[in-house]
Amino acid sequence: MTVSRWARSAGAVMMVVAAAACGDPDTTDDRGYTKAPLEKPSVLIGGERAGEMSQYGSPNRVVAEELQLPEQVATAEPPAGEVVAVDLPEGVTQEMVAAGQTIFGGPGMCFACHGANGAGGPLAPALADSEWLNIEGSYDEIVTIITNGVATPVQFAAAMPPRGGAPITDEQVREVAAYVYSISR
């Protein structure tokens, strides 16, 4: 079957029309990318109607939903940067607690799952209380659980990877454990 001369010329005309639309200011965003006009389609194929996407308007429109976070657990935590002295296990110092607090709150670290100041969140339990889910809460147990992670958590669906999935040293693990120990007392 051969394509008629008319069909070939009609196809060429459609290509020219499509190429001409690419430079149309109404279809080019401020970065120079071509976008489909969503408000009022400029070309409809016989019998076609505007699609459901036209209700969303311009792709350059900025719309953001307000994200509602669960209420934070009220704790008697000190303001950020201030560490309250507690009776620490032998070999654990206030300097370790302060360093652990800094690591705990660092980007992509413990607070991402356990919440600010260990208040807890939807992904992991609170650490700023005396309730422990997977251990009894001794300093050595905290060091072990941070080092090894929690493959099968008691209450939460996601496992905690070893070292929280972060590239922290053994010394940093002990510092984070010192901080967690101090806020759980």
C-alpha atoms as a PDB file:
ATOM      1  CA  MET A   1       0.000   0.000   0.000  1.00  0.00           C
ATOM      2  CA  THR A   2       1.395   3.362  -0.927  1.00  0.00           C
ATOM      3  CA  VAL A   3       0.884   6.604   0.897  1.00  0.00           C
ATOM      4  CA  SER A   4      -0.955   9.082  -1.245  1.00  0.00           C
ATOM      5  CA  ARG A   5       0.674  12.339  -2.189  1.00  0.00           C
ATOM      6  CA  TRP A   6      -2.027  14.229  -0.295  1.00  0.00           C
ATOM      7  CA  ALA A   7      -1.381  12.314   2.950  1.00  0.00           C
ATOM      8  CA  ARG A   8       2.346  13.005   2.683  1.00  0.00           C
ATOM      9  CA  SER A   9       1.759  16.724   2.172  1.00  0.00           C
ATOM     10  CA  ALA A  10      -0.792  16.832   5.018  1.00  0.00           C
ATOM     11  CA  GLY A  11       1.807  15.178   7.274  1.00  0.00           C
ATOM     12  CA  ALA A  12       4.390  17.754   6.235  1.00  0.00           C
ATOM     13  CA  VAL A  13       1.970  20.585   7.020  1.00  0.00           C
ATOM     14  CA  MET A  14       1.308  19.115  10.495  1.00  0.00           C
ATOM     15  CA  MET A  15       5.064  18.936  11.135  1.00  0.00           C
ATOM     16  CA  VAL A  16       5.468  22.582  10.137  1.00  0.00           C
ATOM     17  CA  VAL A  17       2.587  23.622  12.410  1.00  0.00           C
ATOM     18  CA  ALA A  18       4.033  21.611  15.308  1.00  0.00           C
ATOM     19  CA  ALA A  19       7.525  23.064  14.776  1.00  0.00           C
ATOM     20  CA  ALA A  20       6.123  26.597  14.619  1.00  0.00           C
ATOM     21  CA  ALA A  21       4.375  26.104  17.964  1.00  0.00           C
ATOM     22  CA  CYS A  22       7.707  25.307  19.661  1.00  0.00           C
ATOM     23  CA  GLY A  23       8.838  28.910  19.485  1.00  0.00           C
ATOM     24  CA  ASP A  24       5.497  30.375  20.531  1.00  0.00           C
ATOM     25  CA  PRO A  25       6.027  32.468  23.723  1.00  0.00           C
ATOM     26  CA  ASP A  26       2.825  31.035  25.182  1.00  0.00           C
ATOM     27  CA  THR A  27       4.275  27.535  24.977  1.00  0.00           C
ATOM     28  CA  THR A  28       7.833  28.260  26.116  1.00  0.00           C
ATOM     29  CA  ASP A  29       8.650  28.727  29.790  1.00  0.00           C
ATOM     30  CA  ASP A  30      11.232  31.112  31.230  1.00  0.00           C
ATOM     31  CA  ARG A  31      13.991  28.469  30.887  1.00  0.00           C
ATOM     32  CA  GLY A  32      13.366  27.968  27.169  1.00  0.00           C
ATOM     33  CA  TYR A  33      11.647  24.591  27.523  1.00  0.00           C
ATOM     34  CA  THR A  34       8.600  23.907  25.414  1.00  0.00           C
ATOM     35  CA  LYS A  35       5.462  23.174  27.373  1.00  0.00           C
ATOM     36  CA  ALA A  36       2.007  22.168  26.316  1.00  0.00           C
ATOM     37  CA  PRO A  37      -0.542  24.941  26.767  1.00  0.00           C
ATOM     38  CA  LEU A  38      -2.922  23.601  29.412  1.00  0.00           C
ATOM     39  CA  GLU A  39      -5.442  26.413  29.815  1.00  0.00           C
ATOM     40  CA  LYS A  40      -6.862  26.426  26.291  1.00  0.00           C
ATOM     41  CA  PRO A  41      -5.493  23.957  23.804  1.00  0.00           C
ATOM     42  CA  SER A  42      -4.610  25.786  20.591  1.00  0.00           C
ATOM     43  CA  VAL A  43      -4.872  22.737  18.323  1.00  0.00           C
ATOM     44  CA  LEU A  44      -7.427  19.991  18.713  1.00  0.00           C
ATOM     45  CA  ILE A  45      -7.634  17.009  16.422  1.00  0.00           C
ATOM     46  CA  GLY A  46     -11.071  16.402  14.908  1.00  0.00           C
ATOM     47  CA  GLY A  47     -13.603  15.545  17.623  1.00  0.00           C
ATOM     48  CA  GLU A  48     -11.010  15.738  20.429  1.00  0.00           C
ATOM     49  CA  ARG A  49     -11.834  17.656  23.598  1.00  0.00           C
ATOM     50  CA  ALA A  50      -9.575  19.224  26.219  1.00  0.00           C
ATOM     51  CA  GLY A  51      -8.082  16.640  28.557  1.00  0.00           C
ATOM     52  CA  GLU A  52      -8.343  16.492  32.316  1.00  0.00           C
ATOM     53  CA  MET A  53      -4.869  17.999  32.708  1.00  0.00           C
ATOM     54  CA  SER A  54      -6.188  21.350  31.460  1.00  0.00           C
ATOM     55  CA  GLN A  55      -7.801  21.914  34.877  1.00  0.00           C
ATOM     56  CA  TYR A  56      -4.366  22.252  36.485  1.00  0.00           C
ATOM     57  CA  GLY A  57      -3.375  25.387  34.606  1.00  0.00           C
ATOM     58  CA  SER A  58       0.157  26.512  33.820  1.00  0.00           C
ATOM     59  CA  PRO A  59       3.043  24.194  34.723  1.00  0.00           C
ATOM     60  CA  ASN A  60       4.889  27.277  36.042  1.00  0.00           C
ATOM     61  CA  ARG A  61       2.253  27.767  38.720  1.00  0.00           C
ATOM     62  CA  VAL A  62       3.715  27.339  42.194  1.00  0.00           C
ATOM     63  CA  VAL A  63       1.401  25.542  44.593  1.00  0.00           C
ATOM     64  CA  ALA A  64       2.471  23.873  47.812  1.00  0.00           C
ATOM     65  CA  GLU A  65       0.405  21.965  50.304  1.00  0.00           C
ATOM     66  CA  GLU A  66       1.011  22.642  53.960  1.00  0.00           C
ATOM     67  CA  LEU A  67       2.510  19.555  55.555  1.00  0.00           C
ATOM     68  CA  GLN A  68       1.104  18.764  58.982  1.00  0.00           C
ATOM     69  CA  LEU A  69       3.632  17.013  61.211  1.00  0.00           C
ATOM     70  CA  PRO A  70       2.633  14.962  64.228  1.00  0.00           C
ATOM     71  CA  GLU A  71       2.817  16.919  67.445  1.00  0.00           C
ATOM     72  CA  GLN A  72       6.164  16.632  69.157  1.00  0.00           C
ATOM     73  CA  VAL A  73       6.267  14.774  72.442  1.00  0.00           C
ATOM     74  CA  ALA A  74       6.613  17.270  75.242  1.00  0.00           C
ATOM     75  CA  THR A  75       9.849  16.626  77.090  1.00  0.00           C
ATOM     76  CA  ALA A  76      11.918  18.426  79.641  1.00  0.00           C
ATOM     77  CA  GLU A  77      14.753  18.752  77.136  1.00  0.00           C
ATOM     78  CA  PRO A  78      17.272  21.527  77.392  1.00  0.00           C
ATOM     79  CA  PRO A  79      17.431  24.074  74.573  1.00  0.00           C
ATOM     80  CA  ALA A  80      19.602  23.019  71.627  1.00  0.00           C
ATOM     81  CA  GLY A  81      23.281  23.223  72.477  1.00  0.00           C
ATOM     82  CA  GLU A  82      22.756  22.889  76.230  1.00  0.00           C
ATOM     83  CA  VAL A  83      23.396  19.514  77.860  1.00  0.00           C
ATOM     84  CA  VAL A  84      22.083  18.684  81.321  1.00  0.00           C
ATOM     85  CA  ALA A  85      24.513  16.821  83.577  1.00  0.00           C
ATOM     86  CA  VAL A  86      23.322  13.362  84.619  1.00  0.00           C
ATOM     87  CA  ASP A  87      24.976  10.517  86.461  1.00  0.00           C
ATOM     88  CA  LEU A  88      26.981   8.930  83.634  1.00  0.00           C
ATOM     89  CA  PRO A  89      28.451   5.423  83.476  1.00  0.00           C
ATOM     90  CA  GLU A  90      32.162   4.968  84.132  1.00  0.00           C
ATOM     91  CA  GLY A  91      34.270   6.145  81.195  1.00  0.00           C
ATOM     92  CA  VAL A  92      31.516   8.372  79.765  1.00  0.00           C
ATOM     93  CA  THR A  93      32.121  12.132  80.000  1.00  0.00           C
ATOM     94  CA  GLN A  94      30.016  15.266  79.525  1.00  0.00           C
ATOM     95  CA  GLU A  95      32.235  16.047  76.510  1.00  0.00           C
ATOM     96  CA  MET A  96      31.134  12.751  74.941  1.00  0.00           C
ATOM     97  CA  VAL A  97      27.494  13.662  75.610  1.00  0.00           C
ATOM     98  CA  ALA A  98      27.926  17.087  73.968  1.00  0.00           C
ATOM     99  CA  ALA A  99      29.708  15.571  70.951  1.00  0.00           C
ATOM    100  CA  GLY A 100      26.985  12.912  70.686  1.00  0.00           C
ATOM    101  CA  GLN A 101      24.285  15.584  70.707  1.00  0.00           C
ATOM    102  CA  THR A 102      25.985  17.315  67.766  1.00  0.00           C
ATOM    103  CA  ILE A 103      26.260  14.043  65.814  1.00  0.00           C
ATOM    104  CA  PHE A 104      22.655  13.050  66.679  1.00  0.00           C
ATOM    105  CA  GLY A 105      21.331  16.324  65.244  1.00  0.00           C
ATOM    106  CA  GLY A 106      23.578  16.393  62.160  1.00  0.00           C
ATOM    107  CA  PRO A 107      22.207  16.258  58.585  1.00  0.00           C
ATOM    108  CA  GLY A 108      20.832  12.816  57.748  1.00  0.00           C
ATOM    109  CA  MET A 109      21.592  11.492  61.211  1.00  0.00           C
ATOM    110  CA  CYS A 110      19.619  10.040  64.122  1.00  0.00           C
ATOM    111  CA  PHE A 111      17.134  12.913  64.514  1.00  0.00           C
ATOM    112  CA  ALA A 112      15.765  12.206  61.016  1.00  0.00           C
ATOM    113  CA  CYS A 113      13.973   9.140  62.400  1.00  0.00           C
ATOM    114  CA  HIS A 114      14.069   9.619  66.186  1.00  0.00           C
ATOM    115  CA  GLY A 115      12.997  13.278  66.087  1.00  0.00           C
ATOM    116  CA  ALA A 116      14.578  16.427  67.423  1.00  0.00           C
ATOM    117  CA  ASN A 117      16.125  15.865  70.851  1.00  0.00           C
ATOM    118  CA  GLY A 118      15.058  12.192  70.614  1.00  0.00           C
ATOM    119  CA  ALA A 119      11.345  13.035  70.938  1.00  0.00           C
ATOM    120  CA  GLY A 120      10.371  10.214  68.551  1.00  0.00           C
ATOM    121  CA  GLY A 121       8.547  10.244  65.260  1.00  0.00           C
ATOM    122  CA  PRO A 122       6.579   8.124  62.814  1.00  0.00           C
ATOM    123  CA  LEU A 123       9.689   6.149  61.804  1.00  0.00           C
ATOM    124  CA  ALA A 124      11.353   5.409  65.149  1.00  0.00           C
ATOM    125  CA  PRO A 125      10.662   5.517  68.873  1.00  0.00           C
ATOM    126  CA  ALA A 126      11.343   8.304  71.333  1.00  0.00           C
ATOM    127  CA  LEU A 127      14.696   8.078  73.052  1.00  0.00           C
ATOM    128  CA  ALA A 128      14.088  10.942  75.483  1.00  0.00           C
ATOM    129  CA  ASP A 129      12.163   8.830  77.955  1.00  0.00           C
ATOM    130  CA  SER A 130      12.872   5.812  80.126  1.00  0.00           C
ATOM    131  CA  GLU A 131      10.830   3.378  77.981  1.00  0.00           C
ATOM    132  CA  TRP A 132      12.941   1.036  75.849  1.00  0.00           C
ATOM    133  CA  LEU A 133      11.484  -1.273  73.202  1.00  0.00           C
ATOM    134  CA  ASN A 134      14.385  -3.473  72.119  1.00  0.00           C
ATOM    135  CA  ILE A 135      16.848  -3.201  75.038  1.00  0.00           C
ATOM    136  CA  GLU A 136      16.886  -2.336  78.759  1.00  0.00           C
ATOM    137  CA  GLY A 137      18.675   1.014  78.206  1.00  0.00           C
ATOM    138  CA  SER A 138      22.154   0.540  79.656  1.00  0.00           C
ATOM    139  CA  TYR A 139      24.999   2.479  78.035  1.00  0.00           C
ATOM    140  CA  ASP A 140      26.632  -0.711  76.707  1.00  0.00           C
ATOM    141  CA  GLU A 141      23.329  -1.898  75.200  1.00  0.00           C
ATOM    142  CA  ILE A 142      22.863   1.490  73.514  1.00  0.00           C
ATOM    143  CA  VAL A 143      26.374   1.243  72.009  1.00  0.00           C
ATOM    144  CA  THR A 144      25.577  -2.280  70.767  1.00  0.00           C
ATOM    145  CA  ILE A 145      22.204  -1.365  69.239  1.00  0.00           C
ATOM    146  CA  ILE A 146      23.673   1.656  67.440  1.00  0.00           C
ATOM    147  CA  THR A 147      26.561  -0.460  66.152  1.00  0.00           C
ATOM    148  CA  ASN A 148      24.422  -3.406  64.999  1.00  0.00           C
ATOM    149  CA  GLY A 149      21.110  -1.693  64.221  1.00  0.00           C
ATOM    150  CA  VAL A 150      17.665  -3.196  64.765  1.00  0.00           C
ATOM    151  CA  ALA A 151      16.767  -5.720  62.075  1.00  0.00           C
ATOM    152  CA  THR A 152      13.288  -6.485  63.450  1.00  0.00           C
ATOM    153  CA  PRO A 153      11.907  -3.580  65.501  1.00  0.00           C
ATOM    154  CA  VAL A 154       9.253  -4.320  68.093  1.00  0.00           C
ATOM    155  CA  GLN A 155       6.849  -1.496  67.114  1.00  0.00           C
ATOM    156  CA  PHE A 156       8.077   0.212  63.947  1.00  0.00           C
ATOM    157  CA  ALA A 157       7.868  -1.156  60.422  1.00  0.00           C
ATOM    158  CA  ALA A 158      11.296  -0.093  59.152  1.00  0.00           C
ATOM    159  CA  ALA A 159      14.531  -1.590  60.407  1.00  0.00           C
ATOM    160  CA  MET A 160      17.330   0.585  61.773  1.00  0.00           C
ATOM    161  CA  PRO A 161      20.502  -0.117  59.787  1.00  0.00           C
ATOM    162  CA  PRO A 162      23.822  -0.532  61.611  1.00  0.00           C
ATOM    163  CA  ARG A 163      25.138   2.850  62.774  1.00  0.00           C
ATOM    164  CA  GLY A 164      21.824   4.323  61.618  1.00  0.00           C
ATOM    165  CA  GLY A 165      23.047   3.964  58.034  1.00  0.00           C
ATOM    166  CA  ALA A 166      25.638   6.696  58.597  1.00  0.00           C
ATOM    167  CA  PRO A 167      29.408   6.434  58.149  1.00  0.00           C
ATOM    168  CA  ILE A 168      30.277   7.115  61.795  1.00  0.00           C
ATOM    169  CA  THR A 169      33.319   5.823  63.668  1.00  0.00           C
ATOM    170  CA  ASP A 170      33.332   3.641  66.788  1.00  0.00           C
ATOM    171  CA  GLU A 171      34.182   6.728  68.866  1.00  0.00           C
ATOM    172  CA  GLN A 172      31.223   8.610  67.361  1.00  0.00           C
ATOM    173  CA  VAL A 173      28.963   5.624  68.135  1.00  0.00           C
ATOM    174  CA  ARG A 174      30.059   5.844  71.791  1.00  0.00           C
ATOM    175  CA  GLU A 175      29.396   9.608  71.777  1.00  0.00           C
ATOM    176  CA  VAL A 176      25.906   9.197  70.326  1.00  0.00           C
ATOM    177  CA  ALA A 177      25.253   6.443  72.881  1.00  0.00           C
ATOM    178  CA  ALA A 178      26.392   8.812  75.659  1.00  0.00           C
ATOM    179  CA  TYR A 179      23.932  11.459  74.422  1.00  0.00           C
ATOM    180  CA  VAL A 180      21.065   8.961  74.097  1.00  0.00           C
ATOM    181  CA  TYR A 181      21.857   7.586  77.544  1.00  0.00           C
ATOM    182  CA  SER A 182      21.769  11.115  79.012  1.00  0.00           C
ATOM    183  CA  ILE A 183      18.397  12.056  77.474  1.00  0.00           C
ATOM    184  CA  SER A 184      16.766   8.797  78.556  1.00  0.00           C
ATOM    185  CA  ARG A 185      17.359   9.486  82.240  1.00  0.00           C
END
